Each structure stands twice: as structure tokens, then as C-alpha cells.
Protein backbone atom coordinates (compact mmCIF):
# COMPACT_ATOMS: atom_id res chain seq x y z
CA MET A 1 12.97 25.71 25.68
CA ALA A 2 11.33 27.65 22.84
CA GLY A 3 14.34 29.94 22.40
CA THR A 4 16.77 27.05 21.95
CA LEU A 5 14.37 25.26 19.60
CA PHE A 6 13.90 28.37 17.43
CA ILE A 7 17.66 28.87 17.02
CA MET A 8 18.07 25.18 16.18
CA ILE A 9 15.41 25.55 13.48
CA ALA A 10 17.39 28.51 12.13
CA CYS A 11 20.54 26.35 12.08
CA PHE A 12 18.60 23.69 10.15
CA THR A 13 17.66 26.21 7.45
CA TRP A 14 21.29 27.38 7.26
CA ALA A 15 22.38 23.78 6.77
CA LEU A 16 19.85 23.33 3.94
CA ASP A 17 21.33 26.50 2.45
CA THR A 18 24.61 24.69 1.77
CA LEU A 19 22.89 22.35 -0.71
CA ILE A 20 22.42 25.41 -2.95
CA ARG A 21 25.18 27.84 -1.99
CA TYR A 22 28.27 25.68 -2.53
CA PRO A 23 27.20 24.32 -5.93
CA LEU A 24 26.61 27.93 -7.01
CA LEU A 25 30.08 28.92 -5.83
CA GLY A 26 31.49 25.85 -7.57
CA ALA A 27 29.80 26.97 -10.79
CA GLY A 28 31.99 30.08 -10.78
CA TYR A 29 29.62 32.72 -9.45
CA SER A 30 31.14 35.41 -7.26
CA ALA A 31 30.28 35.18 -3.57
CA VAL A 32 29.66 38.91 -3.33
CA HIS A 33 27.10 38.84 -6.13
CA ILE A 34 25.30 35.81 -4.72
CA VAL A 35 25.04 37.52 -1.34
CA LEU A 36 24.01 40.80 -3.01
CA ILE A 37 21.10 39.16 -4.85
CA GLU A 38 20.07 37.49 -1.60
CA HIS A 39 20.00 40.79 0.27
CA PHE A 40 18.19 42.62 -2.53
CA THR A 41 15.52 39.89 -2.50
CA LEU A 42 15.24 40.08 1.27
CA VAL A 43 14.95 43.87 1.34
CA VAL A 44 12.11 43.68 -1.20
CA CYS A 45 10.37 41.05 0.95
CA VAL A 46 10.71 43.02 4.20
CA SER A 47 9.99 46.46 2.70
CA PRO A 48 6.53 46.55 4.38
CA LEU A 49 8.27 45.96 7.72
CA LEU A 50 10.81 48.71 7.01
CA TRP A 51 7.89 51.10 6.46
CA ARG A 52 6.00 49.81 9.49
CA TYR A 53 8.96 50.32 11.84
CA ARG A 54 10.18 53.61 10.32
CA ASP A 55 9.34 55.55 13.49
CA ILE A 56 11.28 53.06 15.61
CA TYR A 57 14.34 53.48 13.39
CA ARG A 58 14.08 57.28 13.52
CA LYS A 59 13.84 57.33 17.33
CA MET A 60 16.66 54.82 17.95
CA PRO A 61 19.59 56.13 20.00
CA LYS A 62 22.91 56.30 18.17
CA ARG A 63 24.23 53.20 19.95
CA SER A 64 21.22 51.13 18.90
CA LEU A 65 21.50 52.33 15.31
CA ALA A 66 25.21 51.45 15.34
CA CYS A 67 24.35 47.95 16.60
CA LEU A 68 21.72 47.51 13.89
CA PHE A 69 24.13 48.62 11.17
CA PHE A 70 26.84 46.34 12.55
CA ILE A 71 24.49 43.33 12.50
CA GLY A 72 23.71 43.85 8.82
CA GLY A 73 26.90 45.42 7.53
CA MET A 74 29.39 43.25 9.39
CA GLY A 75 27.45 40.18 10.54
CA SER A 76 25.32 39.62 7.46
CA ALA A 77 27.51 41.07 4.67
CA VAL A 78 31.21 41.32 5.57
CA GLY A 79 31.26 38.24 7.83
CA THR A 80 29.70 35.99 5.19
CA LEU A 81 31.98 37.28 2.45
CA ALA A 82 35.11 36.99 4.60
CA PHE A 83 34.27 33.43 5.64
CA THR A 84 33.67 32.42 2.02
CA GLU A 85 36.89 34.11 0.86
CA ALA A 86 38.94 32.32 3.55
CA PHE A 87 38.34 28.97 1.82
CA SER A 88 40.38 30.23 -1.14
CA TYR A 89 43.49 30.48 1.04
CA LEU A 90 43.16 27.88 3.82
CA ASN A 91 42.26 24.23 4.19
CA PRO A 92 38.48 24.12 4.97
CA THR A 93 39.18 22.19 8.18
CA VAL A 94 41.43 25.00 9.42
CA VAL A 95 38.76 27.60 8.60
CA ILE A 96 36.01 25.66 10.38
CA LEU A 97 38.31 24.96 13.35
CA LEU A 98 39.06 28.66 13.81
CA GLN A 99 35.36 29.41 13.47
CA LYS A 100 34.90 27.58 16.78
CA LEU A 101 36.34 30.72 18.43
CA GLN A 102 33.03 32.50 17.70
CA PRO A 103 31.33 31.44 20.97
CA LEU A 104 34.36 32.71 22.92
CA VAL A 105 34.03 36.12 21.22
CA ALA A 106 30.30 36.29 21.90
CA ILE A 107 30.62 35.16 25.53
CA ILE A 108 33.33 37.73 26.31
CA LEU A 109 31.46 40.56 24.59
CA ALA A 110 28.17 39.58 26.29
CA TYR A 111 29.94 39.67 29.66
CA ALA A 112 31.63 43.02 28.93
CA PHE A 113 28.78 44.92 27.28
CA LEU A 114 25.56 43.17 28.32
CA LYS A 115 26.70 42.27 31.83
CA GLU A 116 25.64 38.64 31.32
CA ARG A 117 27.21 36.72 34.19
CA ILE A 118 29.14 33.57 33.40
CA GLU A 119 27.63 31.05 35.82
CA SER A 120 29.41 27.85 36.85
CA HIS A 121 26.66 25.67 35.38
CA PHE A 122 27.00 27.55 32.10
CA MET A 123 30.71 26.70 31.92
CA GLN A 124 29.99 23.02 32.63
CA TRP A 125 27.46 22.69 29.84
CA ALA A 126 29.56 24.86 27.52
CA VAL A 127 32.45 22.41 27.88
CA ILE A 128 30.16 19.50 26.93
CA ILE A 129 28.87 21.40 23.88
CA LEU A 130 32.36 22.40 22.73
CA VAL A 131 33.67 18.86 23.24
CA GLY A 132 30.80 17.58 21.10
CA SER A 133 31.70 20.10 18.41
CA PHE A 134 35.33 18.97 18.33
CA VAL A 135 34.39 15.27 18.43
CA MET A 136 32.34 15.80 15.27
CA MET A 137 35.42 17.31 13.62
CA TRP A 138 37.91 14.75 14.94
CA PRO A 139 38.33 12.66 11.74
CA ASP A 140 39.16 15.84 9.80
CA LEU A 141 41.40 17.16 12.57
CA ALA A 142 43.34 13.88 12.63
CA LYS A 143 44.13 14.32 8.93
CA LEU A 144 45.53 17.83 9.33
CA ASN A 145 49.03 16.57 10.16
CA ASP A 146 49.36 15.12 6.67
CA ALA A 147 47.20 17.71 4.89
CA GLN A 148 48.09 20.99 3.24
CA TRP A 149 47.03 23.76 5.61
CA HIS A 150 47.56 26.59 3.12
CA TYR A 151 47.03 26.68 -0.63
CA SER A 152 50.01 28.99 -1.11
CA SER A 153 53.43 29.31 0.49
CA ASP A 154 53.23 33.09 0.16
CA GLN A 155 53.09 34.62 3.64
CA GLY A 156 50.77 37.39 2.44
CA ALA A 157 48.24 34.87 1.13
CA ILE A 158 48.45 32.86 4.35
CA MET A 159 47.86 35.95 6.48
CA LYS A 160 44.88 36.87 4.27
CA GLY A 161 43.35 33.45 4.92
CA TYR A 162 43.67 33.74 8.69
CA GLY A 163 42.61 37.39 8.57
CA TYR A 164 39.43 36.66 6.63
CA THR A 165 38.56 33.82 9.01
CA LEU A 166 39.06 35.93 12.13
CA ILE A 167 37.07 38.81 10.64
CA ALA A 168 34.15 36.42 10.16
CA VAL A 169 34.55 35.02 13.68
CA PHE A 170 34.48 38.48 15.25
CA ALA A 171 31.68 39.75 12.99
CA TRP A 172 29.35 36.85 13.75
CA GLY A 173 30.13 36.72 17.46
CA ALA A 174 29.66 40.47 17.89
CA ALA A 175 26.50 40.44 15.75
CA THR A 176 24.91 38.00 18.20
CA VAL A 177 25.68 40.36 21.08
CA CYS A 178 24.42 43.40 19.15
CA GLY A 179 21.19 41.57 18.36
CA LYS A 180 20.68 40.72 22.01
CA TYR A 181 21.44 44.32 22.98
CA LEU A 182 18.63 45.54 20.72
CA SER A 183 16.34 42.87 22.16
CA TYR A 184 17.12 44.10 25.68
CA LYS A 185 16.29 47.65 24.52
CA GLY A 186 12.84 46.52 23.39
CA VAL A 187 13.39 46.68 19.62
CA PRO A 188 10.90 44.26 17.96
CA GLU A 189 12.42 41.15 16.43
CA ASN A 190 11.02 41.96 12.98
CA ALA A 191 12.50 45.47 13.16
CA ILE A 192 15.94 43.94 13.82
CA LEU A 193 15.41 41.42 11.02
CA SER A 194 14.42 43.97 8.38
CA GLY A 195 17.05 46.48 9.49
CA ARG A 196 19.70 43.77 9.24
CA PHE A 197 18.91 43.08 5.60
CA LEU A 198 18.77 46.78 4.65
CA SER A 199 22.10 47.65 6.29
CA GLY A 200 23.66 44.54 4.75
CA LEU A 201 22.51 45.67 1.31
CA MET A 202 23.90 49.16 1.92
CA VAL A 203 27.35 47.67 2.53
CA LEU A 204 27.15 45.13 -0.30
CA LEU A 205 26.13 47.56 -3.05
CA PRO A 206 29.39 49.53 -3.25
CA THR A 207 31.37 46.30 -2.83
CA ALA A 208 29.53 44.66 -5.73
CA LEU A 209 29.89 47.73 -7.94
CA PHE A 210 33.64 47.73 -7.30
CA MET A 211 33.82 44.06 -8.33
CA THR A 212 31.54 44.38 -11.39
CA PRO A 213 34.29 43.46 -13.95
CA THR A 214 34.42 39.93 -12.48
CA LEU A 215 30.64 39.43 -12.66
CA LYS A 216 29.54 36.24 -14.41
CA SER A 217 26.08 36.22 -15.98
CA ILE A 218 23.63 34.19 -13.92
CA THR A 219 21.21 31.79 -15.60
CA ALA A 220 17.49 32.04 -14.86
CA VAL A 221 17.56 28.71 -13.01
CA ASP A 222 20.46 29.72 -10.78
CA PHE A 223 18.88 33.12 -10.18
CA GLY A 224 15.76 31.33 -8.96
CA LEU A 225 17.88 29.14 -6.69
CA ILE A 226 19.50 32.20 -5.12
CA ILE A 227 16.07 33.70 -4.44
CA ALA A 228 14.87 30.42 -2.91
CA MET A 229 18.00 30.29 -0.77
CA ALA A 230 17.40 33.87 0.41
CA LEU A 231 13.85 33.07 1.44
CA LEU A 232 14.82 29.83 3.18
CA SER A 233 17.96 30.64 5.17
CA GLY A 234 17.58 34.41 5.11
CA LEU A 235 13.95 35.29 5.70
CA ILE A 236 12.69 32.12 7.42
CA GLY A 237 15.96 31.19 9.11
CA MET A 238 16.71 34.64 10.52
CA TRP A 239 13.09 35.09 11.63
CA PHE A 240 13.41 31.97 13.79
CA TYR A 241 16.87 33.08 14.94
CA TYR A 242 15.71 36.44 16.28
CA GLN A 243 12.64 34.89 17.85
CA GLY A 244 15.01 32.55 19.67
CA LEU A 245 17.55 35.25 20.54
CA SER A 246 14.83 37.30 22.24
CA ARG A 247 14.20 34.37 24.61
CA VAL A 248 17.75 33.34 25.60
CA ARG A 249 20.95 35.08 26.63
CA ALA A 250 23.55 35.94 23.98
CA GLN A 251 26.06 33.48 25.43
CA THR A 252 23.47 30.69 25.29
CA ALA A 253 22.50 31.58 21.72
CA THR A 254 26.08 31.36 20.47
CA LEU A 255 26.41 27.82 21.85
CA VAL A 256 23.11 26.75 20.30
CA GLU A 257 24.47 27.97 16.95
CA LEU A 258 27.09 25.21 17.18
CA SER A 259 24.27 22.76 16.35
CA PHE A 260 24.67 23.84 12.70
CA PRO A 261 27.17 21.03 11.84
CA VAL A 262 24.76 18.49 13.35
CA PHE A 263 22.08 19.41 10.84
CA ALA A 264 24.64 19.77 8.04
CA ALA A 265 25.85 16.21 8.65
CA GLY A 266 22.27 14.92 8.76
CA ILE A 267 21.37 16.70 5.53
CA ASN A 268 24.47 15.32 3.79
CA TRP A 269 23.41 11.85 4.94
CA VAL A 270 19.82 12.20 3.68
CA PHE A 271 20.35 14.15 0.46
CA LEU A 272 23.92 13.32 -0.57
CA ASP A 273 24.14 9.76 0.77
CA VAL A 274 27.21 10.66 2.86
CA SER A 275 27.42 8.12 5.67
CA LEU A 276 27.69 9.31 9.27
CA SER A 277 30.78 8.32 11.24
CA SER A 278 30.67 7.25 14.88
CA PHE A 279 32.46 10.50 15.78
CA GLN A 280 29.73 12.55 14.12
CA ILE A 281 26.97 10.64 15.88
CA ILE A 282 28.62 10.88 19.32
CA GLY A 283 29.53 14.55 18.83
CA ALA A 284 26.02 15.39 17.62
CA CYS A 285 24.49 13.76 20.69
CA LEU A 286 26.79 15.74 22.99
CA LEU A 287 25.96 18.98 21.18
CA ILE A 288 22.19 18.52 21.29
CA LEU A 289 22.05 17.14 24.83
CA GLY A 290 24.42 19.86 26.05
CA ASN A 291 22.23 22.63 24.64
CA ILE A 292 19.06 21.08 26.02
CA GLY A 293 20.69 20.56 29.42
CA LEU A 294 21.97 24.15 29.52
CA ARG A 295 18.56 25.59 28.70
CA MET A 296 16.77 23.40 31.24
CA LYS A 297 19.27 24.46 33.92
CA GLU A 298 18.76 28.15 33.07
CA LEU A 299 14.98 27.76 33.24
CA SER A 300 15.19 25.96 36.56
CA THR A 301 17.31 28.71 38.09
CA ALA A 302 14.93 31.41 36.77
CA MET A 303 17.69 33.85 35.86
CA PRO A 304 16.62 37.53 35.92
CA ILE A 305 16.41 39.56 32.71
CA THR A 306 19.52 41.63 32.09
CA THR A 307 19.20 45.36 31.53
CA VAL A 308 21.69 47.60 29.75
CA SER A 309 22.11 51.31 29.97
CA ASN A 310 21.60 53.84 27.21
CA ALA A 311 25.00 55.38 27.82
């Protein structure tokens, strides 16, 4: 159960992150520069780990290095930026609804590349978890018929919105599989963590330099908030995430990640005094119970550890 619990703790830190991130975006700061400052802070924090694991990085096969770069460059940098950008073009409910495709991407890729079998009991619990996720969203989904799906009638803008969303879905789903691949290959969790932040920064730097003309000066207070956010959801959250990922299969991890809206709703209730609807409570119960039930079933069946080739 430790693996599921660790990933849930990571989801909790990501939910706390929203209390800082969205007000910063609302204040007019560029998403790319917020994420850049986060990654710079994180690379400074993990620099001792980067030095400690330098021999591991040097000896990594090309496929493992490609996975590590994908996790940081696509999963941590491009995926986050694309998801944030999608909200400028599409109704948030549409973006979040499409994001539910992420487990499907991860499950298919885990089956194809990691040879993780899709057991019948997994499908049963997966259905319960996905139903819980949609039940939580039901009030918003019911309003979509009368809501504006797109903020522009221009077909190019609409396609950009869907494109950004699907890029994020693929990036995050594939990053989970890449992380599990490295775990199967024996790469230490902290080596994956620190390598993720460094490769993310390598991708963000040229992007930020290209967008420099749009940079808004950041106040000392907001700069401190970005650093705090990086330490909370980045350093602490991702440490728990990779500790959890090393203990569960990739397809299980991607379903546990769906517990994020449960914690987000709870945090909104506690900190923002946003009342919980019956749909949110029922959906949250299904999500949590489904993940616990799935993990207990996997432990009871004592599934063997998957191995992957170096080819």
C-alpha cells in the first residue's frame, strides 16, 4: 500500500500548488517564466544529487537517457506549459475532461513497452476509479450544453486549444511510463528526480529566452511564492511520486494520479470555503476506494516484477 499512499501524498502537494499557481497566473505572470523559476530553483536544490549520480548518468544506455530527457523536457516542461496554454483557448471543463485520457495513454504505452499485462481485476477497479472521476465532474459536465466550449470561433484557435491539451495528455502519460522504465532498469529514484528537473530546465531556457519580450517583472513576494511552490509540489511532491512509482506498476500509478481532484476539492473546501457537492463526495469516495481496492488486489495476487530489455 505504500506505493499508492506515496503517490496520493504527491497529488496532495500538487493540489496545494494550485493555491499559489493560479493566483500568480491571474496576476499576469507568464506561465513559462513561472515554470522556469521553479525548475531553476529545483536544479539548485538537487545539484548535490546531480553530482552524486554523475557516473550513473554517464553510463546510462541511450534509451534510458532518452527516457530521462523525455520525463523532464516533455513531462515536466512542455506538458505543463501546454496544459496551462490550453485554458486560453478552451473552456476549463473541456480541458480537464480531455485530460482524463491520460490514464488510457499510460496504460497502452505500459502494455506496449513495459509488457505490463492488463488483468481482468485491473479493468474492474479501473472502471470504478474512472466512474468516480467523472461523477466528481458531473455538475460541470451537465453545464457544458449551455456553456461556451471555445473562447474563439476561429478554427485555428480551436485546434490550438485541443492540440495543447492532447500534447499535455500524451506528455504526462508517457512520462509516467518512462519513469517506470527507468525504475525497472534500476535507476535510483533520486537520480530520476534530479535528472527530470535538469532536463526540464534545459528545454525551458531557450523557450523563456524566446519569450523574453513578454516578461513581466516579478515582485519579491511573488518570487518567494514561486520558490515555495517549487519546493512543495516540485521537490517534495515529486520525491513522493517517484518513491511511489518504484513500488507500483505504471498503469496503477496513472490511476492513483486521478486522486488529484479529490484533494483539490478538499483544499478548496478548507481554504477557500467552497462547499462540496454530493457528486464530489460520492466521486471522491469511489476514487479513493477504487485505488485502495486495486492495490490490495494486486498485493494479494503477488504479481511478479516486470523486466524490460535493453534493446
